[in-house]
Protein backbone atom coordinates (compact mmCIF):
# COMPACT_ATOMS: atom_id res chain seq x y z
CA MET A 1 -20.38 -0.60 14.01
CA GLY A 2 -17.27 -1.12 16.15
CA SER A 3 -16.75 1.08 19.18
CA THR A 4 -13.66 3.34 20.05
CA ASN A 5 -12.43 4.92 23.15
CA LEU A 6 -11.78 8.08 21.09
CA ASN A 7 -14.48 10.85 21.16
CA ARG A 8 -16.11 10.70 17.60
CA ARG A 9 -15.68 14.35 16.89
CA ASP A 10 -11.95 14.25 17.97
CA LEU A 11 -11.57 11.00 15.92
CA ILE A 12 -12.96 12.62 12.67
CA LYS A 13 -10.78 15.65 13.32
CA ARG A 14 -7.62 13.76 13.84
CA ALA A 15 -8.49 11.48 10.89
CA ALA A 16 -8.83 14.52 8.60
CA ALA A 17 -5.46 15.81 9.92
CA ILE A 18 -3.71 12.67 8.83
CA GLY A 19 -5.72 11.77 5.77
CA LEU A 20 -7.12 8.55 7.30
CA ILE A 21 -10.77 8.93 6.47
CA ALA A 22 -13.76 7.89 4.22
CA VAL A 23 -16.08 10.60 3.10
CA PRO A 24 -19.61 10.29 1.67
CA GLY A 25 -21.55 13.11 0.07
CA VAL A 26 -19.08 14.30 -2.83
CA ALA A 27 -21.11 14.54 -6.00
CA ALA A 28 -20.46 11.86 -8.48
CA LEU A 29 -18.49 12.90 -11.53
CA SER A 30 -18.92 11.58 -15.01
CA SER A 31 -16.21 9.54 -16.47
CA CYS A 32 -14.84 9.48 -20.09
CA ALA A 33 -14.08 7.16 -22.81
CA SER A 34 -12.35 3.79 -22.56
CA GLY A 35 -9.47 2.20 -24.76
CA GLY A 36 -6.62 4.26 -25.68
CA GLY A 37 -3.06 3.65 -26.88
CA GLU A 38 -3.00 4.76 -30.48
CA GLU A 39 0.66 5.61 -31.57
CA SER A 40 1.41 9.28 -32.11
CA LYS A 41 4.03 11.68 -31.63
CA PRO A 42 4.36 13.51 -28.35
CA VAL A 43 2.25 16.65 -28.01
CA LYS A 44 3.90 20.07 -27.71
CA LYS A 45 3.81 21.82 -24.30
CA GLY A 46 1.61 24.85 -23.88
CA ALA A 47 2.11 28.18 -22.02
CA VAL A 48 3.31 27.70 -18.55
CA THR A 49 1.67 29.71 -15.81
CA LYS A 50 0.98 29.43 -12.07
CA ASP A 51 -2.33 27.70 -12.77
CA ASN A 52 -0.84 25.43 -15.44
CA PRO A 53 2.86 24.71 -14.17
CA PHE A 54 3.48 21.93 -16.62
CA GLY A 55 2.19 23.58 -19.77
CA VAL A 56 -0.81 21.49 -20.76
CA ASN A 57 -2.48 22.29 -24.02
CA LYS A 58 -6.29 22.37 -24.04
CA GLY A 59 -7.74 19.74 -26.20
CA ASP A 60 -4.80 17.52 -25.94
CA ALA A 61 -6.04 13.83 -25.27
CA LEU A 62 -4.85 11.93 -22.21
CA ASP A 63 -4.38 8.10 -21.81
CA VAL A 64 -4.96 6.72 -18.45
CA VAL A 65 -4.52 3.06 -17.24
CA VAL A 66 -5.60 2.17 -13.59
CA PHE A 67 -5.15 -0.90 -11.70
CA LYS A 68 -8.57 -2.33 -11.05
CA GLY A 69 -7.98 -4.08 -7.66
CA GLY A 70 -9.11 -3.40 -4.14
CA PHE A 71 -10.04 0.30 -4.89
CA GLY A 72 -11.80 -0.62 -8.38
CA ASP A 73 -11.46 1.98 -10.90
CA GLU A 74 -14.71 4.21 -10.49
CA TYR A 75 -12.70 6.87 -8.56
CA ALA A 76 -10.41 7.19 -11.56
CA LYS A 77 -13.25 7.64 -13.95
CA GLN A 78 -14.56 10.43 -11.79
CA TRP A 79 -11.31 12.12 -11.90
CA GLU A 80 -11.07 11.84 -15.65
CA GLY A 81 -14.49 13.34 -16.02
CA VAL A 82 -13.18 16.52 -14.12
CA TYR A 83 -9.97 16.50 -16.21
CA ALA A 84 -11.74 16.16 -19.56
CA LYS A 85 -14.10 19.11 -18.74
CA SER A 86 -11.20 21.25 -17.40
CA TRP A 87 -8.86 20.71 -20.39
CA ASP A 88 -11.48 20.11 -23.13
CA ALA A 89 -9.81 16.68 -23.62
CA LYS A 90 -10.66 13.26 -24.58
CA VAL A 91 -9.60 10.90 -21.80
CA SER A 92 -9.17 7.36 -22.63
CA HIS A 93 -9.54 4.99 -19.72
CA LEU A 94 -8.49 1.24 -19.13
CA GLY A 95 -9.05 -0.42 -15.76
CA THR A 96 -7.25 -3.73 -15.54
CA GLN A 97 -5.41 -6.14 -13.15
CA GLU A 98 -3.09 -7.18 -16.04
CA ILE A 99 -0.76 -4.13 -15.93
CA THR A 100 2.28 -5.93 -17.09
CA GLY A 101 0.40 -7.94 -19.74
CA LYS A 102 -1.31 -4.76 -21.13
CA LEU A 103 1.54 -2.25 -20.75
CA GLN A 104 4.90 -3.95 -21.18
CA PRO A 105 4.41 -4.14 -25.03
CA ARG A 106 3.56 -0.61 -25.10
CA PHE A 107 6.70 0.40 -22.96
CA ASN A 108 8.81 -1.75 -25.14
CA ALA A 109 7.30 0.06 -28.32
CA GLY A 110 7.83 3.55 -26.86
CA ASN A 111 4.19 4.12 -26.72
CA PRO A 112 3.14 4.13 -23.12
CA PRO A 113 0.10 5.67 -21.55
CA ASP A 114 0.33 9.18 -20.00
CA VAL A 115 -0.68 8.08 -16.52
CA VAL A 116 -0.39 4.65 -14.94
CA ASP A 117 -1.55 3.23 -11.54
CA ASN A 118 1.21 0.57 -11.48
CA SER A 119 -0.12 -1.69 -8.73
CA GLY A 120 -1.26 -5.24 -8.05
CA ALA A 121 0.50 -8.58 -8.38
CA GLN A 122 1.02 -8.08 -12.09
CA SER A 123 2.57 -4.46 -11.75
CA ILE A 124 5.52 -3.66 -13.91
CA LYS A 125 8.68 -3.61 -11.56
CA LEU A 126 9.43 0.14 -10.86
CA ASP A 127 13.12 -0.41 -10.19
CA VAL A 128 13.40 -2.00 -13.58
CA LEU A 129 11.49 0.86 -15.18
CA HIS A 130 13.81 3.28 -13.47
CA LYS A 131 16.95 1.51 -14.66
CA GLN A 132 15.49 1.66 -18.24
CA GLY A 133 14.98 5.38 -18.00
CA GLN A 134 11.14 4.86 -18.45
CA LEU A 135 9.94 7.07 -15.60
CA THR A 136 9.45 10.76 -15.57
CA ASP A 137 11.23 12.64 -12.69
CA LEU A 138 8.22 13.73 -10.40
CA THR A 139 10.48 15.91 -8.31
CA GLN A 140 8.93 18.81 -10.43
CA LEU A 141 5.60 17.68 -9.16
CA LEU A 142 6.53 18.17 -5.58
CA ASP A 143 7.90 21.66 -6.37
CA ALA A 144 4.75 22.71 -8.33
CA PRO A 145 2.26 24.97 -6.61
CA SER A 146 -0.60 23.37 -4.90
CA VAL A 147 -4.11 23.29 -6.63
CA ASP A 148 -5.61 24.51 -3.31
CA ASP A 149 -3.03 27.07 -2.28
CA PRO A 150 -0.69 28.11 -5.01
CA GLU A 151 1.48 29.74 -2.28
CA LYS A 152 2.34 26.29 -1.16
CA LYS A 153 4.30 23.79 -2.94
CA VAL A 154 2.70 20.30 -3.40
CA ARG A 155 5.21 18.65 -1.08
CA ASP A 156 4.10 20.92 1.75
CA THR A 157 0.43 19.45 1.35
CA LEU A 158 1.36 15.81 1.81
CA ILE A 159 1.60 13.76 5.22
CA PRO A 160 5.29 13.93 6.09
CA GLY A 161 7.44 11.09 4.84
CA THR A 162 4.93 9.78 2.34
CA ALA A 163 6.74 11.03 -0.80
CA GLU A 164 9.79 9.30 -0.07
CA LYS A 165 8.42 5.86 -0.93
CA GLY A 166 8.55 6.68 -4.59
CA PHE A 167 12.24 7.84 -4.51
CA PHE A 168 14.99 6.22 -6.68
CA GLY A 169 18.44 7.66 -6.59
CA GLY A 170 17.32 10.60 -4.61
CA LYS A 171 14.52 11.74 -6.94
CA MET A 172 10.89 10.95 -6.86
CA HIS A 173 9.69 8.84 -9.77
CA ALA A 174 6.40 7.31 -8.39
CA LEU A 175 3.50 9.09 -6.55
CA ASN A 176 2.33 6.57 -3.81
CA TYR A 177 -1.16 7.94 -3.37
CA VAL A 178 -2.88 5.94 -0.68
CA TYR A 179 -1.87 6.13 2.90
CA THR A 180 -1.86 2.66 4.22
CA VAL A 181 -1.55 0.87 7.32
CA TRP A 182 -0.38 -2.78 7.40
CA GLY A 183 -0.84 -5.32 9.97
CA LEU A 184 -3.37 -7.96 11.13
CA TRP A 185 -7.12 -7.89 11.01
CA TYR A 186 -9.83 -9.58 12.98
CA SER A 187 -13.67 -9.76 13.60
CA GLY A 188 -14.63 -7.71 16.52
CA LYS A 189 -17.84 -9.79 16.65
CA LEU A 190 -16.11 -13.04 16.73
CA PHE A 191 -13.85 -12.06 19.62
CA LYS A 192 -16.86 -10.69 21.64
CA ASP A 193 -18.83 -13.75 21.07
CA ASN A 194 -16.05 -15.98 22.48
CA GLY A 195 -14.83 -13.69 25.24
CA TRP A 196 -11.35 -13.25 23.62
CA THR A 197 -9.06 -10.33 24.09
CA ALA A 198 -7.09 -8.94 21.11
CA PRO A 199 -3.44 -9.97 21.88
CA GLU A 200 -0.55 -7.66 22.27
CA THR A 201 2.21 -10.11 22.90
CA TRP A 202 3.22 -13.13 20.63
CA ASP A 203 2.56 -15.47 23.35
CA ASP A 204 -0.98 -14.33 23.69
CA PHE A 205 -1.32 -14.29 19.88
CA VAL A 206 -0.42 -17.95 19.69
CA SER A 207 -2.61 -18.79 22.70
CA VAL A 208 -5.80 -17.25 21.28
CA MET A 209 -5.27 -19.02 18.01
CA GLN A 210 -5.04 -22.25 20.09
CA GLU A 211 -8.21 -21.52 21.77
CA ALA A 212 -9.84 -20.93 18.37
CA LYS A 213 -8.49 -24.37 16.96
CA LYS A 214 -10.25 -26.08 19.77
CA LYS A 215 -13.56 -24.52 18.35
CA GLY A 216 -12.65 -25.56 14.89
CA ILE A 217 -11.56 -22.17 13.86
CA GLY A 218 -8.12 -21.61 11.94
CA GLY A 219 -5.86 -19.48 13.69
CA LEU A 220 -4.26 -17.58 10.86
CA ALA A 221 -5.37 -17.27 7.17
CA HIS A 222 -2.91 -15.82 4.68
CA GLN A 223 -3.09 -15.15 0.96
CA GLY A 224 -0.86 -18.18 0.00
CA LYS A 225 -0.52 -17.55 -3.59
CA HIS A 226 0.61 -13.96 -2.73
CA PRO A 227 3.47 -14.30 0.03
CA TYR A 228 3.89 -10.62 0.11
CA TYR A 229 1.04 -10.56 2.76
CA MET A 230 2.78 -13.02 4.99
CA ASN A 231 5.92 -10.98 4.74
CA VAL A 232 3.90 -8.19 6.25
CA VAL A 233 3.85 -10.03 9.50
CA ILE A 234 7.43 -11.33 9.13
CA MET A 235 8.91 -7.96 8.34
CA ASP A 236 6.87 -6.03 10.87
CA LEU A 237 7.92 -8.45 13.49
CA ILE A 238 11.67 -8.00 12.56
CA ALA A 239 11.23 -4.23 12.79
CA LYS A 240 9.44 -4.53 16.16
CA THR A 241 11.94 -6.87 17.61
CA GLY A 242 15.11 -5.32 16.54
CA GLY A 243 13.98 -1.67 16.19
CA LEU A 244 14.38 0.59 13.20
CA ASP A 245 17.99 -0.29 12.88
CA SER A 246 16.95 -3.93 11.88
CA MET A 247 14.48 -2.42 9.29
CA LYS A 248 17.26 -0.21 7.84
CA ALA A 249 19.71 -3.10 7.64
CA ILE A 250 17.27 -4.81 5.21
CA ASP A 251 16.64 -1.71 3.11
CA ASN A 252 20.36 -0.81 3.05
CA LEU A 253 21.32 -4.42 2.13
CA ASP A 254 23.54 -5.18 5.02
CA PRO A 255 25.59 -8.29 4.90
CA ARG A 256 24.03 -9.30 8.34
CA ALA A 257 20.49 -8.08 7.54
CA PHE A 258 19.14 -11.67 8.11
CA VAL A 259 21.91 -14.04 8.89
CA GLY A 260 23.70 -12.99 12.02
CA ASN A 261 20.59 -10.66 13.00
CA ASP A 262 19.11 -12.00 16.17
CA ALA A 263 15.77 -10.08 15.61
CA ALA A 264 15.43 -11.73 12.15
CA LYS A 265 16.21 -15.08 13.74
CA ARG A 266 13.70 -14.78 16.54
CA SER A 267 11.03 -13.41 14.26
CA ILE A 268 11.11 -16.15 11.59
CA GLU A 269 11.25 -18.93 14.32
CA ALA A 270 8.20 -17.28 15.92
CA VAL A 271 6.36 -17.13 12.58
CA TYR A 272 7.18 -20.86 11.87
CA GLU A 273 5.81 -21.73 15.19
CA ILE A 274 2.30 -20.95 13.78
CA VAL A 275 2.93 -23.54 11.09
CA ASP A 276 4.56 -26.13 13.19
CA LYS A 277 1.57 -26.06 15.71
CA GLY A 278 -0.88 -26.47 12.88
CA LEU A 279 -2.53 -22.89 13.60
CA LEU A 280 -2.86 -22.00 9.87
CA MET A 281 -6.35 -22.08 8.40
CA PRO A 282 -6.45 -25.33 6.50
CA GLY A 283 -5.76 -24.86 2.70
CA THR A 284 -4.69 -21.18 3.17
CA ASN A 285 -1.28 -21.91 1.47
CA GLY A 286 -3.06 -22.61 -1.85
CA LEU A 287 -5.58 -19.79 -1.84
CA ASP A 288 -5.25 -16.28 -3.44
CA HIS A 289 -6.10 -13.19 -1.65
CA VAL A 290 -9.84 -13.11 -2.43
CA GLU A 291 -10.33 -16.85 -1.51
CA SER A 292 -8.54 -16.56 1.75
CA GLN A 293 -10.02 -13.29 2.71
CA THR A 294 -13.53 -14.46 1.97
CA LYS A 295 -13.04 -17.60 4.13
CA TRP A 296 -11.87 -15.20 7.04
CA ASN A 297 -15.06 -13.20 6.45
CA GLU A 298 -16.90 -16.41 6.82
CA GLY A 299 -15.27 -17.05 10.40
CA LYS A 300 -12.91 -19.80 9.25
CA ALA A 301 -9.91 -18.06 10.70
CA LEU A 302 -9.32 -15.37 13.47
CA PHE A 303 -6.69 -13.30 11.67
CA ILE A 304 -5.47 -12.34 8.50
CA PRO A 305 -2.54 -10.03 7.35
CA SER A 306 -3.20 -7.11 4.95
CA GLY A 307 -3.12 -3.46 4.30
CA SER A 308 -5.78 -1.07 5.06
CA TRP A 309 -7.42 -1.49 1.52
CA LEU A 310 -8.90 -4.80 2.93
CA GLU A 311 -12.10 -3.31 4.03
CA ASN A 312 -13.04 -1.84 0.77
CA GLU A 313 -11.78 -4.96 -0.99
CA GLN A 314 -14.03 -7.21 1.01
CA LEU A 315 -17.24 -5.09 1.17
CA LYS A 316 -19.47 -7.58 -0.72
CA SER A 317 -18.36 -10.56 1.49
CA THR A 318 -18.17 -8.90 4.79
CA PRO A 319 -21.25 -9.54 7.08
CA GLU A 320 -22.90 -6.50 8.40
CA ASP A 321 -22.00 -7.12 12.04
CA PHE A 322 -18.45 -8.25 11.41
CA GLU A 323 -16.72 -5.37 12.91
CA MET A 324 -13.49 -5.53 11.00
CA THR A 325 -10.72 -4.44 13.35
CA PHE A 326 -7.07 -3.52 12.79
CA LEU A 327 -4.28 -5.08 15.08
CA PRO A 328 -0.67 -4.04 14.97
CA VAL A 329 1.57 -7.19 14.82
CA PRO A 330 2.12 -8.55 18.45
CA VAL A 331 5.55 -8.37 19.95
CA LEU A 332 8.02 -10.91 21.21
CA GLU A 333 9.58 -10.63 24.57
CA GLU A 334 12.15 -7.81 24.96
CA SER A 335 11.22 -6.03 21.66
CA VAL A 336 12.87 -2.83 20.96
CA MET A 337 9.57 -1.35 19.86
CA PRO A 338 6.29 -1.51 21.59
CA PHE A 339 3.14 -3.20 20.56
CA HIS A 340 1.43 -0.06 19.29
CA ALA A 341 4.33 0.64 16.78
CA LEU A 342 3.12 -0.12 13.10
CA ARG A 343 3.91 -0.03 9.67
CA ALA A 344 2.30 2.97 7.97
CA GLY A 345 3.18 4.84 4.72
CA ALA A 346 2.29 5.36 1.21
CA GLY A 347 1.09 2.75 -1.40
CA GLU A 348 -0.42 2.61 -4.87
CA PRO A 349 2.12 4.05 -7.10
CA PHE A 350 1.03 6.23 -9.95
CA ILE A 351 3.74 7.02 -12.63
CA VAL A 352 3.99 9.22 -15.66
CA PRO A 353 6.23 7.31 -18.15
CA ALA A 354 9.10 9.28 -19.67
CA LYS A 355 7.90 8.68 -23.14
CA ALA A 356 4.39 9.62 -22.63
CA LYS A 357 2.71 11.49 -25.48
CA ASN A 358 1.07 13.87 -23.17
CA GLN A 359 3.59 14.13 -20.31
CA ALA A 360 2.47 17.60 -19.27
CA GLY A 361 -1.14 16.30 -19.07
CA GLY A 362 0.08 13.37 -16.92
CA LEU A 363 1.94 15.46 -14.46
CA GLU A 364 -1.20 17.83 -14.16
CA PHE A 365 -3.38 14.70 -13.68
CA LEU A 366 -1.25 13.84 -10.56
CA ARG A 367 -1.08 17.39 -9.40
CA GLN A 368 -5.00 17.46 -9.47
CA MET A 369 -5.06 14.17 -7.53
CA LEU A 370 -3.39 15.93 -4.58
CA SER A 371 -6.23 18.57 -4.51
CA LYS A 372 -8.78 18.51 -1.90
CA GLU A 373 -11.48 17.91 -4.53
CA TRP A 374 -10.05 14.88 -5.95
CA SER A 375 -8.72 13.56 -2.59
CA THR A 376 -12.15 13.88 -1.17
CA SER A 377 -13.80 12.06 -4.05
CA PHE A 378 -11.30 9.22 -3.75
CA ALA A 379 -11.92 8.84 -0.13
CA LYS A 380 -15.75 8.93 -0.82
CA GLU A 381 -15.61 6.29 -3.41
CA VAL A 382 -13.36 3.74 -1.91
CA SER A 383 -13.49 4.43 1.80
CA SER A 384 -9.75 4.22 2.29
CA LEU A 385 -6.76 6.35 3.35
CA SER A 386 -5.33 9.33 1.66
CA ILE A 387 -1.68 10.90 1.69
CA VAL A 388 -3.06 14.49 1.43
CA ASP A 389 -2.67 16.16 4.76
CA GLY A 390 -6.16 17.36 6.16
CA ALA A 391 -7.89 16.84 2.80
CA VAL A 392 -11.34 15.82 4.06
CA ASP A 393 -13.99 17.37 6.18
CA GLU A 394 -16.09 16.41 9.11
CA GLY A 395 -19.65 14.93 8.79
CA VAL A 396 -18.77 11.46 7.85
CA GLU A 397 -19.89 7.88 8.79
CA LEU A 398 -16.79 5.71 9.40
CA ARG A 399 -16.71 1.91 8.79
CA PRO A 400 -15.21 -0.17 11.61
CA GLY A 401 -12.01 -1.11 9.91
CA ILE A 402 -11.29 2.65 9.17
CA LYS A 403 -12.06 3.59 12.73
CA SER A 404 -9.81 1.00 14.09
CA ALA A 405 -6.96 1.95 11.69
CA ILE A 406 -7.43 5.65 12.66
CA ALA A 407 -7.24 4.75 16.42
CA ALA A 408 -4.10 2.69 15.84
CA VAL A 409 -2.29 5.52 14.00
CA ASP A 410 -3.51 7.94 16.59
CA ALA A 411 -1.96 5.78 19.35
CA CYS A 412 1.22 5.46 17.74
CA PRO A 413 3.79 8.48 17.85
CA ALA A 414 5.33 9.45 14.46
CA GLU A 415 8.72 8.15 15.57
CA GLU A 416 7.30 4.72 16.04
CA ARG A 417 5.80 4.31 12.68
CA PHE A 418 7.82 2.70 10.07
CA ASP A 419 7.97 1.53 6.43
CA TYR A 420 10.13 -0.55 4.28
CA LEU A 421 11.55 0.61 0.95
CA TYR A 422 13.21 -2.56 -0.36
CA THR A 423 10.09 -3.71 -2.03
CA GLU A 424 10.31 -0.86 -4.46
CA TRP A 425 13.97 -0.47 -4.65
CA TYR A 426 14.95 -4.13 -5.25
CA SER A 427 11.97 -6.18 -6.90
CA ALA A 428 14.07 -9.22 -7.59
CA MET A 429 15.17 -9.32 -3.87
CA ASP A 430 11.66 -8.90 -2.83
CA GLU A 431 10.57 -11.70 -5.08
CA SER A 432 13.14 -14.13 -3.71
CA ILE A 433 11.99 -13.45 -0.04
CA ARG A 434 8.45 -13.79 -1.13
CA ASN A 435 9.39 -17.28 -2.67
CA ALA A 436 11.13 -18.27 0.58
CA THR A 437 8.26 -17.45 2.62
CA ALA A 438 5.94 -19.54 0.49
CA GLU A 439 8.35 -22.45 1.17
CA LEU A 440 8.45 -21.70 4.89
CA MET A 441 4.66 -21.51 5.25
CA ALA A 442 4.21 -24.83 3.31
CA LYS A 443 6.72 -26.37 5.82
CA ARG A 444 9.21 -27.23 2.84
CA ILE A 445 12.02 -25.32 4.49
CA LYS A 446 12.97 -24.43 8.14
CA PRO A 447 13.67 -20.82 9.55
CA ALA A 448 17.50 -21.40 9.18
CA ASP A 449 16.85 -22.07 5.51
CA TRP A 450 14.68 -18.99 5.18
CA LEU A 451 17.25 -16.72 6.67
CA LYS A 452 19.89 -17.98 4.20
CA LYS A 453 17.65 -17.52 1.30
CA ALA A 454 16.65 -13.96 2.36
CA GLN A 455 20.36 -13.01 2.96
CA ALA A 456 21.37 -14.48 -0.38
CA ALA A 457 18.75 -12.18 -1.96
CA VAL A 458 20.10 -9.28 -0.10
CA ASP A 459 23.72 -10.17 -1.08
CA LYS A 460 22.76 -10.46 -4.76
CA ALA A 461 21.08 -7.09 -4.76
CA ALA A 462 23.99 -5.58 -3.17
CA LYS A 463 26.24 -6.49 -6.02
CA ASP A 464 24.10 -4.40 -8.54
CA PRO A 465 25.94 -1.10 -8.98
CA ALA A 466 22.58 0.63 -8.96
CA SER A 467 22.03 -0.21 -5.39
CA LYS A 468 24.60 2.26 -4.44
CA GLN A 469 22.18 4.98 -5.44
CA ASN A 470 19.67 4.02 -2.58
CA LYS A 471 20.47 4.70 1.18
CA ARG A 472 18.34 5.46 4.12
CA ASP A 473 19.78 7.02 7.28
């Protein structure tokens, strides 16, 4: 396992305090049935009480669909088993990566599931669902009593700032459940074996990749078929170079968000330098996330960008002595934000469709997800991060990647953590920027072209009247 300068007991306490922890030892819970989706009329609400704030009726079936990606779906089956027992309910379960393919016809027919983990490359665009009135307002969830302490509202049990990721037009419509850290990752063992030091500046970042190239190792692998991952590096670099104002300019659709923004210009030119100097892992532009991450695990590249789900997603292909380690994106000269600044926030959006048959059950399922019991079972199952503040206990074995993510968050003051919102607010804009990044990484366009394409996507989004509902200060 990797080492850390933090005292282990303090590390665990701090991890528990911010929800960044993986916990073994929670008893496995039985899962329920599979399938679901038979058309029927919405069920009637039951009596509303403090313990049943949404009026769930015992015996009413619940239909759950979960993205079966980096976290799998076993954790959800455990939750469903508890729900089924508590409410004497049949719970149907579908774990899939084809969220749009499986669910778009059901949304169109007015027969959606009751709970959806709307994640992955094939997720249904949340901003589109919101425009169509397909999402239940989850502000009522935030204001409901907490499962663990009914004197507290659910909103008061969450890591500060995490609920905002699911807001559209000032109201919450998606519960982003997983507290995520985004950045670069490397093998601690590979660095130790070669006597390399983890870079903090962009110049050192490029330099160590050049050293690796001499040894036949690619500098940077990225998930070429999914440019979202490379945009983690680009957008983090823009935020760190220009400060939070540069980040907010993108979210707020500023007419100079990219073109005319020196931080964006310097950042995209720096990223293109990796391409121009031949420091990409050969073939990475044509690989999906599993293929590129596996080659990285095999030592074919020094770095790869991802969120903190990476360790769990790569368990089967990561060598035991790999020492997966997190690295905030290195900084350019005269950056406004320091090296230790990082992107951290909520991900993995769960929704309750507006036309769900058992809307009350869907809301209650989400409320239970934010309990200590369910949060702990999730952490145990997937060894990842949670948005519930202080939801897990001591007595844990931490994997190297989680240790390093905890240490990075611990080293970063709250005011120097940031997160973008445009990816949820403006899916078409996000897609356009991803496409431009794919072109850039394949050397089909230059940095100036990327900036123009990205700005055009911003300008197009700004013309949509719905964009006036979203604003960050």
